[in-house]
Amino acid sequence: MKRRMIRRGVGFFLFGVVAITAAGFVTMSLWNWLTPALFGLPAIHFGQALGLLVLTRILFGGFRAGGWLGGHWHQRMGERWQNMTPEQRESLRAGMSGRKPAPATQV
C-alpha cells in the first residue's frame, strides 16, 4: 500500500514537471513567433516564459483554493458530499482508493 502511494506521488510529481515544462515551451514558442513580428518586442527564453506564466497567474488567476479547476467544482462536490448517506460516502471512498466497497446491509 505504501509503495503504491509513493509511486502515485512520484507519478503526480513527474506529470507536474512535464506539464510545467510543456506550458513554458508553448508560451515561449508563441511569444517568440508572434510578438517580435507584430509588436517588435524581443524574443524570450524558457525561464522568462515560466516567469510570464507565473505573472499572469498572479494577475489574472490568483492563488485561491480550487486552483485552475475553479472553486465552483470544489463547492459542488462539497454539497454533494453533504447530501450523501454514510453508505454512499464509503462507496465513493472505496472507489477512489481502488478497493471494492463493502456490501450494503439491508435493514
C-alpha atoms as a PDB file:
ATOM      1  CA  MET A   1       0.000   0.000   0.000  1.00  0.00           C
ATOM      2  CA  LYS A   2       2.779   2.403   0.930  1.00  0.00           C
ATOM      3  CA  ARG A   3       4.707   1.644  -2.282  1.00  0.00           C
ATOM      4  CA  ARG A   4       1.606   2.365  -4.294  1.00  0.00           C
ATOM      5  CA  MET A   5       1.203   5.748  -2.617  1.00  0.00           C
ATOM      6  CA  ILE A   6       4.860   6.573  -3.236  1.00  0.00           C
ATOM      7  CA  ARG A   7       4.565   5.566  -6.896  1.00  0.00           C
ATOM      8  CA  ARG A   8       1.419   7.645  -7.240  1.00  0.00           C
ATOM      9  CA  GLY A   9       3.129  10.649  -5.639  1.00  0.00           C
ATOM     10  CA  VAL A  10       6.149  10.305  -7.909  1.00  0.00           C
ATOM     11  CA  GLY A  11       3.797   9.992 -10.888  1.00  0.00           C
ATOM     12  CA  PHE A  12       1.944  13.185  -9.958  1.00  0.00           C
ATOM     13  CA  PHE A  13       5.246  14.987  -9.453  1.00  0.00           C
ATOM     14  CA  LEU A  14       6.596  13.880 -12.829  1.00  0.00           C
ATOM     15  CA  PHE A  15       3.309  14.802 -14.517  1.00  0.00           C
ATOM     16  CA  GLY A  16       3.529  18.263 -12.948  1.00  0.00           C
ATOM     17  CA  VAL A  17       7.116  18.740 -14.128  1.00  0.00           C
ATOM     18  CA  VAL A  18       6.195  17.663 -17.670  1.00  0.00           C
ATOM     19  CA  ALA A  19       3.091  19.895 -17.688  1.00  0.00           C
ATOM     20  CA  ILE A  20       5.012  22.955 -16.454  1.00  0.00           C
ATOM     21  CA  THR A  21       7.803  22.324 -18.955  1.00  0.00           C
ATOM     22  CA  ALA A  22       5.319  21.929 -21.820  1.00  0.00           C
ATOM     23  CA  ALA A  23       3.439  25.084 -20.799  1.00  0.00           C
ATOM     24  CA  GLY A  24       6.740  27.003 -20.667  1.00  0.00           C
ATOM     25  CA  PHE A  25       7.808  25.846 -24.108  1.00  0.00           C
ATOM     26  CA  VAL A  26       4.388  26.576 -25.612  1.00  0.00           C
ATOM     27  CA  THR A  27       4.407  30.069 -24.071  1.00  0.00           C
ATOM     28  CA  MET A  28       7.955  30.725 -25.245  1.00  0.00           C
ATOM     29  CA  SER A  29       7.237  29.469 -28.763  1.00  0.00           C
ATOM     30  CA  LEU A  30       4.061  31.502 -29.152  1.00  0.00           C
ATOM     31  CA  TRP A  31       5.686  34.634 -27.762  1.00  0.00           C
ATOM     32  CA  ASN A  32       8.743  34.301 -29.994  1.00  0.00           C
ATOM     33  CA  TRP A  33       6.572  33.586 -33.020  1.00  0.00           C
ATOM     34  CA  LEU A  34       4.045  36.402 -32.567  1.00  0.00           C
ATOM     35  CA  THR A  35       5.326  39.358 -30.579  1.00  0.00           C
ATOM     36  CA  PRO A  36       8.564  40.154 -32.441  1.00  0.00           C
ATOM     37  CA  ALA A  37       6.740  40.223 -35.773  1.00  0.00           C
ATOM     38  CA  LEU A  38       3.612  42.022 -34.559  1.00  0.00           C
ATOM     39  CA  PHE A  39       4.932  44.437 -31.939  1.00  0.00           C
ATOM     40  CA  GLY A  40       8.711  44.478 -32.379  1.00  0.00           C
ATOM     41  CA  LEU A  41       9.278  43.031 -28.908  1.00  0.00           C
ATOM     42  CA  PRO A  42      12.366  40.923 -28.165  1.00  0.00           C
ATOM     43  CA  ALA A  43      12.337  37.117 -28.055  1.00  0.00           C
ATOM     44  CA  ILE A  44      12.279  35.458 -24.635  1.00  0.00           C
ATOM     45  CA  HIS A  45      13.976  32.350 -23.277  1.00  0.00           C
ATOM     46  CA  PHE A  46      12.454  29.466 -21.307  1.00  0.00           C
ATOM     47  CA  GLY A  47      12.959  30.971 -17.850  1.00  0.00           C
ATOM     48  CA  GLN A  48      11.282  34.194 -18.908  1.00  0.00           C
ATOM     49  CA  ALA A  49       8.358  32.205 -20.324  1.00  0.00           C
ATOM     50  CA  LEU A  50       7.887  30.467 -16.959  1.00  0.00           C
ATOM     51  CA  GLY A  51       8.046  33.844 -15.222  1.00  0.00           C
ATOM     52  CA  LEU A  52       5.433  35.175 -17.617  1.00  0.00           C
ATOM     53  CA  LEU A  53       3.148  32.231 -16.778  1.00  0.00           C
ATOM     54  CA  VAL A  54       3.544  32.861 -13.038  1.00  0.00           C
ATOM     55  CA  LEU A  55       2.929  36.583 -13.504  1.00  0.00           C
ATOM     56  CA  THR A  56      -0.269  36.020 -15.474  1.00  0.00           C
ATOM     57  CA  ARG A  57      -1.427  33.528 -12.837  1.00  0.00           C
ATOM     58  CA  ILE A  58      -0.884  36.105 -10.103  1.00  0.00           C
ATOM     59  CA  LEU A  59      -2.523  38.947 -12.019  1.00  0.00           C
ATOM     60  CA  PHE A  60      -5.486  37.104 -13.504  1.00  0.00           C
ATOM     61  CA  GLY A  61      -5.994  33.911 -11.512  1.00  0.00           C
ATOM     62  CA  GLY A  62      -4.709  34.398  -8.017  1.00  0.00           C
ATOM     63  CA  PHE A  63      -3.710  31.552  -5.717  1.00  0.00           C
ATOM     64  CA  ARG A  64      -7.045  30.819  -4.089  1.00  0.00           C
ATOM     65  CA  ALA A  65      -8.447  27.429  -3.125  1.00  0.00           C
ATOM     66  CA  GLY A  66      -9.730  25.480  -6.086  1.00  0.00           C
ATOM     67  CA  GLY A  67      -6.703  26.134  -8.253  1.00  0.00           C
ATOM     68  CA  TRP A  68      -7.074  26.239 -12.014  1.00  0.00           C
ATOM     69  CA  LEU A  69     -10.075  23.916 -11.860  1.00  0.00           C
ATOM     70  CA  GLY A  70     -12.018  26.674 -10.162  1.00  0.00           C
ATOM     71  CA  GLY A  71     -13.764  26.899  -6.834  1.00  0.00           C
ATOM     72  CA  HIS A  72     -17.153  26.064  -8.374  1.00  0.00           C
ATOM     73  CA  TRP A  73     -16.241  22.378  -8.809  1.00  0.00           C
ATOM     74  CA  HIS A  74     -14.942  22.211  -5.253  1.00  0.00           C
ATOM     75  CA  GLN A  75     -18.126  23.774  -3.891  1.00  0.00           C
ATOM     76  CA  ARG A  76     -20.391  21.438  -5.874  1.00  0.00           C
ATOM     77  CA  MET A  77     -18.514  18.362  -4.675  1.00  0.00           C
ATOM     78  CA  GLY A  78     -18.824  19.584  -1.074  1.00  0.00           C
ATOM     79  CA  GLU A  79     -22.576  19.989  -1.495  1.00  0.00           C
ATOM     80  CA  ARG A  80     -22.870  16.501  -2.960  1.00  0.00           C
ATOM     81  CA  TRP A  81     -20.810  15.060  -0.107  1.00  0.00           C
ATOM     82  CA  GLN A  82     -23.119  16.676   2.460  1.00  0.00           C
ATOM     83  CA  ASN A  83     -26.171  15.129   0.780  1.00  0.00           C
ATOM     84  CA  MET A  84     -24.722  11.583   0.674  1.00  0.00           C
ATOM     85  CA  THR A  85     -25.633   8.820   3.064  1.00  0.00           C
ATOM     86  CA  PRO A  86     -22.790   7.193   5.032  1.00  0.00           C
ATOM     87  CA  GLU A  87     -23.024   4.142   2.736  1.00  0.00           C
ATOM     88  CA  GLN A  88     -22.661   6.313  -0.373  1.00  0.00           C
ATOM     89  CA  ARG A  89     -19.668   8.081   1.166  1.00  0.00           C
ATOM     90  CA  GLU A  90     -17.962   4.771   1.952  1.00  0.00           C
ATOM     91  CA  SER A  91     -18.652   3.535  -1.569  1.00  0.00           C
ATOM     92  CA  LEU A  92     -17.110   6.709  -3.025  1.00  0.00           C
ATOM     93  CA  ARG A  93     -14.065   6.425  -0.746  1.00  0.00           C
ATOM     94  CA  ALA A  94     -13.622   2.791  -1.757  1.00  0.00           C
ATOM     95  CA  GLY A  95     -13.893   3.645  -5.444  1.00  0.00           C
ATOM     96  CA  MET A  96     -11.333   6.437  -5.117  1.00  0.00           C
ATOM     97  CA  SER A  97      -8.861   4.172  -3.329  1.00  0.00           C
ATOM     98  CA  GLY A  98      -9.294   1.347  -5.845  1.00  0.00           C
ATOM     99  CA  ARG A  99     -10.730  -1.242  -3.457  1.00  0.00           C
ATOM    100  CA  LYS A 100     -14.123  -2.879  -3.556  1.00  0.00           C
ATOM    101  CA  PRO A 101     -16.797  -1.217  -1.439  1.00  0.00           C
ATOM    102  CA  ALA A 102     -18.272  -3.158   1.449  1.00  0.00           C
ATOM    103  CA  PRO A 103     -21.608  -4.726   0.584  1.00  0.00           C
ATOM    104  CA  ALA A 104     -24.587  -2.697   1.730  1.00  0.00           C
ATOM    105  CA  THR A 105     -26.579  -4.197   4.559  1.00  0.00           C
ATOM    106  CA  GLN A 106     -30.345  -4.166   4.385  1.00  0.00           C
ATOM    107  CA  VAL A 107     -32.437  -3.483   7.445  1.00  0.00           C
END
